[in-house]
Each structure stands twice: as structure tokens, then as C-alpha cells.
N, C-alpha and C. Protein backbone atom coordinates (compact mmCIF):
# COMPACT_ATOMS: atom_id res chain seq x y z
N MET A 1 35.69 86.73 -12.62
CA MET A 1 35.55 85.83 -14.07
C MET A 1 34.97 84.30 -13.15
N ALA A 2 33.47 84.58 -14.00
CA ALA A 2 33.21 83.20 -13.60
C ALA A 2 33.39 82.08 -13.57
N LYS A 3 32.47 81.44 -12.62
CA LYS A 3 33.13 79.62 -12.04
C LYS A 3 32.07 78.69 -13.38
N THR A 4 31.38 79.24 -13.24
CA THR A 4 30.37 78.01 -14.28
C THR A 4 30.58 78.49 -16.47
N LYS A 5 30.26 77.85 -17.14
CA LYS A 5 30.58 77.65 -18.60
C LYS A 5 29.85 77.45 -19.24
N PHE A 6 29.95 77.11 -20.00
CA PHE A 6 29.15 76.44 -21.34
C PHE A 6 29.86 75.40 -21.77
N LEU A 7 29.14 74.34 -22.23
CA LEU A 7 29.69 72.86 -21.97
C LEU A 7 29.00 72.18 -23.42
N LYS A 8 29.95 72.04 -24.40
CA LYS A 8 29.83 71.44 -26.12
C LYS A 8 29.59 69.81 -25.42
N ILE A 9 28.44 69.10 -25.11
CA ILE A 9 28.36 67.84 -24.78
C ILE A 9 27.39 66.91 -25.98
N ALA A 10 28.13 65.69 -25.81
CA ALA A 10 27.38 64.76 -26.83
C ALA A 10 26.49 63.59 -26.32
N CYS A 11 25.49 63.19 -26.80
CA CYS A 11 24.10 62.44 -26.76
C CYS A 11 25.35 61.07 -26.32
N PRO A 12 25.53 60.49 -25.72
CA PRO A 12 25.87 59.19 -25.34
C PRO A 12 25.14 57.59 -26.73
N ARG A 13 23.57 58.27 -26.22
CA ARG A 13 23.04 57.21 -27.55
C ARG A 13 22.82 57.33 -28.92
N CYS A 14 22.72 58.58 -29.34
CA CYS A 14 23.11 59.31 -30.84
C CYS A 14 24.50 59.63 -30.89
N GLY A 15 24.87 60.23 -30.17
CA GLY A 15 26.44 61.56 -31.04
C GLY A 15 25.97 62.81 -31.16
N LYS A 16 24.28 62.82 -31.20
CA LYS A 16 24.02 64.44 -31.52
C LYS A 16 24.94 65.11 -30.48
N LYS A 17 25.39 66.49 -31.20
CA LYS A 17 26.30 67.37 -30.07
C LYS A 17 25.32 68.55 -29.91
N GLN A 18 25.49 69.24 -28.35
CA GLN A 18 24.56 70.35 -27.62
C GLN A 18 25.08 71.28 -27.32
N ILE A 19 25.08 72.37 -27.14
CA ILE A 19 25.72 73.23 -25.74
C ILE A 19 24.61 73.52 -25.07
N VAL A 20 24.89 73.42 -23.85
CA VAL A 20 24.25 74.01 -22.53
C VAL A 20 25.22 74.75 -22.00
N TYR A 21 24.49 75.19 -20.97
CA TYR A 21 24.54 75.44 -19.59
C TYR A 21 25.63 75.12 -18.59
N GLY A 22 26.68 75.24 -17.78
CA GLY A 22 26.68 74.25 -17.09
C GLY A 22 26.39 74.08 -15.19
N LYS A 23 25.02 75.13 -15.08
CA LYS A 23 24.37 74.96 -14.09
C LYS A 23 23.21 75.75 -14.65
N SER A 24 22.70 74.32 -15.68
CA SER A 24 21.19 74.40 -15.87
C SER A 24 20.05 74.26 -14.99
N SER A 25 18.86 75.43 -14.92
CA SER A 25 17.95 74.70 -13.45
C SER A 25 16.75 74.03 -14.10
N SER A 26 17.10 73.42 -15.79
CA SER A 26 16.43 72.86 -16.01
C SER A 26 16.61 71.29 -16.45
N ARG A 27 15.97 70.41 -16.43
CA ARG A 27 16.07 69.40 -17.46
C ARG A 27 16.30 69.87 -19.14
N VAL A 28 17.61 69.01 -19.62
CA VAL A 28 17.93 69.39 -21.11
C VAL A 28 17.54 67.44 -21.65
N LYS A 29 16.59 67.56 -22.44
CA LYS A 29 17.20 66.36 -23.32
C LYS A 29 17.67 66.64 -24.59
N CYS A 30 18.26 65.71 -25.47
CA CYS A 30 18.26 65.32 -26.57
C CYS A 30 17.56 65.45 -27.44
N THR A 31 18.13 66.65 -28.61
CA THR A 31 16.98 67.10 -29.57
C THR A 31 16.38 65.91 -30.39
N ASN A 32 17.69 64.70 -30.79
CA ASN A 32 17.38 64.00 -31.69
C ASN A 32 16.34 62.75 -31.31
N CYS A 33 16.65 62.12 -30.16
CA CYS A 33 16.58 61.34 -29.49
C CYS A 33 15.58 61.36 -28.07
N ASN A 34 15.98 62.46 -27.45
CA ASN A 34 15.21 62.49 -26.47
C ASN A 34 15.52 61.82 -24.83
N LYS A 35 16.72 61.71 -25.34
CA LYS A 35 17.20 61.02 -23.95
C LYS A 35 17.72 62.39 -23.38
N LEU A 36 17.93 62.54 -21.25
CA LEU A 36 17.97 63.36 -20.14
C LEU A 36 19.31 62.69 -20.38
N LEU A 37 19.80 64.63 -20.77
CA LEU A 37 21.13 64.53 -20.97
C LEU A 37 21.63 65.14 -19.83
N ILE A 38 20.64 66.61 -19.32
CA ILE A 38 21.13 67.07 -18.03
C ILE A 38 20.31 66.90 -16.46
N GLN A 39 20.65 66.64 -15.63
CA GLN A 39 19.54 66.67 -14.92
C GLN A 39 20.27 68.00 -14.06
N PRO A 40 19.09 69.01 -13.21
CA PRO A 40 19.91 69.99 -12.24
C PRO A 40 19.74 69.21 -10.37
N THR A 41 20.07 69.69 -10.14
CA THR A 41 20.47 69.13 -8.47
C THR A 41 19.90 70.20 -7.37
N GLY A 42 20.02 71.38 -7.37
CA GLY A 42 20.01 72.18 -6.58
C GLY A 42 21.20 73.11 -6.72
N GLY A 43 22.56 72.71 -7.76
CA GLY A 43 23.89 73.91 -7.56
C GLY A 43 24.36 73.23 -8.95
N LYS A 44 25.40 72.52 -9.30
CA LYS A 44 25.53 71.94 -10.48
C LYS A 44 24.34 71.30 -11.15
N THR A 45 24.91 70.91 -12.03
CA THR A 45 23.61 70.19 -12.69
C THR A 45 24.59 67.96 -13.21
N LYS A 46 23.92 67.10 -12.74
CA LYS A 46 24.59 66.28 -12.87
C LYS A 46 24.56 65.64 -14.73
N ILE A 47 25.58 65.80 -15.70
CA ILE A 47 25.46 65.73 -16.85
C ILE A 47 26.04 64.29 -16.63
N ARG A 48 24.29 63.54 -18.09
CA ARG A 48 24.25 62.45 -17.78
C ARG A 48 25.03 62.18 -19.75
N ALA A 49 26.25 63.10 -20.56
CA ALA A 49 26.37 62.44 -21.70
C ALA A 49 27.85 63.05 -21.22
N GLU A 50 28.97 63.02 -22.77
CA GLU A 50 30.14 63.53 -22.75
C GLU A 50 30.09 64.40 -23.07
N VAL A 51 31.43 64.80 -22.12
CA VAL A 51 31.59 66.22 -22.19
C VAL A 51 32.83 66.50 -23.23
N LYS A 52 32.18 67.29 -24.49
CA LYS A 52 33.52 67.61 -25.39
C LYS A 52 34.02 68.64 -25.30
N GLU A 53 33.45 69.45 -24.96
CA GLU A 53 34.41 70.93 -24.85
C GLU A 53 34.15 71.91 -24.12
N VAL A 54 34.59 72.29 -23.49
CA VAL A 54 34.44 73.75 -22.07
C VAL A 54 34.36 74.95 -23.02
N LEU A 55 33.58 75.46 -23.12
CA LEU A 55 33.16 77.04 -23.96
C LEU A 55 33.61 78.06 -23.04
């Protein structure tokens, strides 16, 4: 079974929800307010948003 999962996160600024990959290799910004939500670190990502659900 895979150790990485998809995550449903909510932007701390505007509250918009997005689904992202747990080990994203690129930056992910909010599609509504353009705030940085995911920062790649070489392995796991640094999540700068509230995780609502693990899918």
C-alpha cells in the first residue's frame, strides 16, 4: 500500500478547499487568493494550510 496520499486542504486566508498530493514536487498556490499552500522540501511537502481530510 502506498504511504503517500491525496489531501483535502483549506486555504487559511480565504477558506477555499483544494485536493493536493502529499508529496508534491511543485509549489501549490490557492486558486482563489494566490496564497502559497504547499512548499516542496525534497521529500515530503511543507503544508501551510489546514488539512481537512486524507483521501
